[in-house]
Amino acid sequence: MDVKHWIKQAARVRQGDGYTYSDLARDLVDALGWTAAVHAAAALRGHVYGWPAEHPLHATVQPIYDRLGWEQAALLTAWFRDSRNFPQPTHRRNP
């Protein structure tokens, strides 16, 4: 995970230039895939709740959390818990 890139994106959220926590969430999914983005969000959620775990990912996302701030990090992690944002299953048709 290129944390420097995501720190810059988190700074954009805080600057209020129109790039929002939901934009960041979608960009995480696009770049990392759903599963890895959910893992990153779960690690961020640990910081939101004030109990990050010892897993290395929690340390990795700490600078992103610091740049987002509590409120925006909470919104970002909540985005992943909203079922409307879950990837839609693709169904294959039999020929």
C-alpha atoms as a PDB file:
ATOM      1  CA  MET A   1       0.000   0.000   0.000  1.00  0.00           C
ATOM      2  CA  ASP A   2       1.516   3.289  -1.120  1.00  0.00           C
ATOM      3  CA  VAL A   3       0.744   5.213   2.042  1.00  0.00           C
ATOM      4  CA  LYS A   4       2.215   8.480   0.713  1.00  0.00           C
ATOM      5  CA  HIS A   5      -0.360   8.577  -2.061  1.00  0.00           C
ATOM      6  CA  TRP A   6      -3.221   7.964   0.356  1.00  0.00           C
ATOM      7  CA  ILE A   7      -1.945  10.598   2.778  1.00  0.00           C
ATOM      8  CA  LYS A   8      -2.103  13.127  -0.067  1.00  0.00           C
ATOM      9  CA  GLN A   9      -5.623  12.015  -0.894  1.00  0.00           C
ATOM     10  CA  ALA A  10      -6.620  12.279   2.779  1.00  0.00           C
ATOM     11  CA  ALA A  11      -5.250  15.827   2.822  1.00  0.00           C
ATOM     12  CA  ARG A  12      -7.521  16.656  -0.103  1.00  0.00           C
ATOM     13  CA  VAL A  13     -10.518  15.481   1.920  1.00  0.00           C
ATOM     14  CA  ARG A  14      -9.553  17.769   4.792  1.00  0.00           C
ATOM     15  CA  GLN A  15      -8.953  20.735   2.448  1.00  0.00           C
ATOM     16  CA  GLY A  16     -12.560  20.701   1.342  1.00  0.00           C
ATOM     17  CA  ASP A  17     -11.755  21.032  -2.348  1.00  0.00           C
ATOM     18  CA  GLY A  18     -14.678  18.824  -3.374  1.00  0.00           C
ATOM     19  CA  TYR A  19     -12.840  15.533  -2.896  1.00  0.00           C
ATOM     20  CA  THR A  20     -14.788  13.731  -0.166  1.00  0.00           C
ATOM     21  CA  TYR A  21     -14.398  10.712   2.084  1.00  0.00           C
ATOM     22  CA  SER A  22     -16.642   8.755  -0.313  1.00  0.00           C
ATOM     23  CA  ASP A  23     -14.356   9.671  -3.228  1.00  0.00           C
ATOM     24  CA  LEU A  24     -11.419   8.411  -1.197  1.00  0.00           C
ATOM     25  CA  ALA A  25     -13.285   5.210  -0.349  1.00  0.00           C
ATOM     26  CA  ARG A  26     -14.091   4.539  -4.010  1.00  0.00           C
ATOM     27  CA  ASP A  27     -10.493   5.291  -5.002  1.00  0.00           C
ATOM     28  CA  LEU A  28      -9.254   2.824  -2.381  1.00  0.00           C
ATOM     29  CA  VAL A  29     -11.564   0.154  -3.816  1.00  0.00           C
ATOM     30  CA  ASP A  30     -10.498   0.934  -7.389  1.00  0.00           C
ATOM     31  CA  ALA A  31      -6.793   0.816  -6.543  1.00  0.00           C
ATOM     32  CA  LEU A  32      -6.674  -1.972  -3.965  1.00  0.00           C
ATOM     33  CA  GLY A  33      -9.738  -4.056  -4.696  1.00  0.00           C
ATOM     34  CA  TRP A  34     -12.701  -4.476  -2.363  1.00  0.00           C
ATOM     35  CA  THR A  35     -11.110  -6.864   0.124  1.00  0.00           C
ATOM     36  CA  ALA A  36      -7.866  -4.946   0.631  1.00  0.00           C
ATOM     37  CA  ALA A  37      -9.763  -1.640   0.876  1.00  0.00           C
ATOM     38  CA  VAL A  38     -12.046  -3.136   3.540  1.00  0.00           C
ATOM     39  CA  HIS A  39      -8.993  -4.307   5.486  1.00  0.00           C
ATOM     40  CA  ALA A  40      -7.503  -0.807   5.325  1.00  0.00           C
ATOM     41  CA  ALA A  41     -10.828   0.697   6.445  1.00  0.00           C
ATOM     42  CA  ALA A  42     -11.042  -1.771   9.333  1.00  0.00           C
ATOM     43  CA  ALA A  43      -7.547  -0.754  10.418  1.00  0.00           C
ATOM     44  CA  LEU A  44      -8.588   2.915  10.237  1.00  0.00           C
ATOM     45  CA  ARG A  45     -11.701   2.102  12.264  1.00  0.00           C
ATOM     46  CA  GLY A  46      -9.451   0.840  15.040  1.00  0.00           C
ATOM     47  CA  HIS A  47      -7.948   4.326  15.237  1.00  0.00           C
ATOM     48  CA  VAL A  48     -11.412   5.934  15.148  1.00  0.00           C
ATOM     49  CA  TYR A  49     -12.439   3.868  18.174  1.00  0.00           C
ATOM     50  CA  GLY A  50      -9.119   4.517  19.898  1.00  0.00           C
ATOM     51  CA  TRP A  51      -7.973   0.909  19.982  1.00  0.00           C
ATOM     52  CA  PRO A  52      -5.721   0.136  17.029  1.00  0.00           C
ATOM     53  CA  ALA A  53      -4.403  -3.412  17.094  1.00  0.00           C
ATOM     54  CA  GLU A  54      -0.829  -4.573  16.889  1.00  0.00           C
ATOM     55  CA  HIS A  55      -1.243  -5.699  13.273  1.00  0.00           C
ATOM     56  CA  PRO A  56       1.210  -3.920  10.937  1.00  0.00           C
ATOM     57  CA  LEU A  57      -1.659  -2.564   8.838  1.00  0.00           C
ATOM     58  CA  HIS A  58      -2.835  -0.482  11.795  1.00  0.00           C
ATOM     59  CA  ALA A  59       0.579   1.186  11.932  1.00  0.00           C
ATOM     60  CA  THR A  60       0.555   1.625   8.154  1.00  0.00           C
ATOM     61  CA  VAL A  61      -2.749   3.514   8.120  1.00  0.00           C
ATOM     62  CA  GLN A  62      -1.941   5.691  11.159  1.00  0.00           C
ATOM     63  CA  PRO A  63      -0.615   8.588   9.005  1.00  0.00           C
ATOM     64  CA  ILE A  64      -3.750   8.425   6.853  1.00  0.00           C
ATOM     65  CA  TYR A  65      -5.899   8.610   9.982  1.00  0.00           C
ATOM     66  CA  ASP A  66      -3.808  11.497  11.299  1.00  0.00           C
ATOM     67  CA  ARG A  67      -4.291  13.407   8.044  1.00  0.00           C
ATOM     68  CA  LEU A  68      -8.021  12.665   7.770  1.00  0.00           C
ATOM     69  CA  GLY A  69      -8.842  13.456  11.365  1.00  0.00           C
ATOM     70  CA  TRP A  70     -11.356  11.628  13.497  1.00  0.00           C
ATOM     71  CA  GLU A  71     -14.530  12.853  11.789  1.00  0.00           C
ATOM     72  CA  GLN A  72     -13.513  12.150   8.208  1.00  0.00           C
ATOM     73  CA  ALA A  73     -11.941   8.806   9.160  1.00  0.00           C
ATOM     74  CA  ALA A  74     -15.205   7.819  10.869  1.00  0.00           C
ATOM     75  CA  LEU A  75     -17.166   8.732   7.737  1.00  0.00           C
ATOM     76  CA  LEU A  76     -14.741   6.837   5.511  1.00  0.00           C
ATOM     77  CA  THR A  77     -14.943   3.674   7.593  1.00  0.00           C
ATOM     78  CA  ALA A  78     -18.741   3.928   7.782  1.00  0.00           C
ATOM     79  CA  TRP A  79     -18.876   4.067   3.968  1.00  0.00           C
ATOM     80  CA  PHE A  80     -17.558   0.505   3.880  1.00  0.00           C
ATOM     81  CA  ARG A  81     -20.249  -0.671   6.306  1.00  0.00           C
ATOM     82  CA  ASP A  82     -23.107   0.671   4.171  1.00  0.00           C
ATOM     83  CA  SER A  83     -24.532  -2.218   2.157  1.00  0.00           C
ATOM     84  CA  ARG A  84     -25.345   0.107  -0.745  1.00  0.00           C
ATOM     85  CA  ASN A  85     -21.602   0.387  -1.374  1.00  0.00           C
ATOM     86  CA  PHE A  86     -20.934  -3.351  -1.493  1.00  0.00           C
ATOM     87  CA  PRO A  87     -19.847  -4.576  -4.905  1.00  0.00           C
ATOM     88  CA  GLN A  88     -22.699  -6.015  -6.883  1.00  0.00           C
ATOM     89  CA  PRO A  89     -22.320  -9.662  -7.820  1.00  0.00           C
ATOM     90  CA  THR A  90     -21.938 -10.332 -11.480  1.00  0.00           C
ATOM     91  CA  HIS A  91     -24.000 -13.130 -12.915  1.00  0.00           C
ATOM     92  CA  ARG A  92     -22.867 -15.031 -15.939  1.00  0.00           C
ATOM     93  CA  ARG A  93     -25.333 -16.244 -18.426  1.00  0.00           C
ATOM     94  CA  ASN A  94     -25.009 -19.724 -19.782  1.00  0.00           C
ATOM     95  CA  PRO A  95     -24.748 -19.665 -23.564  1.00  0.00           C
END
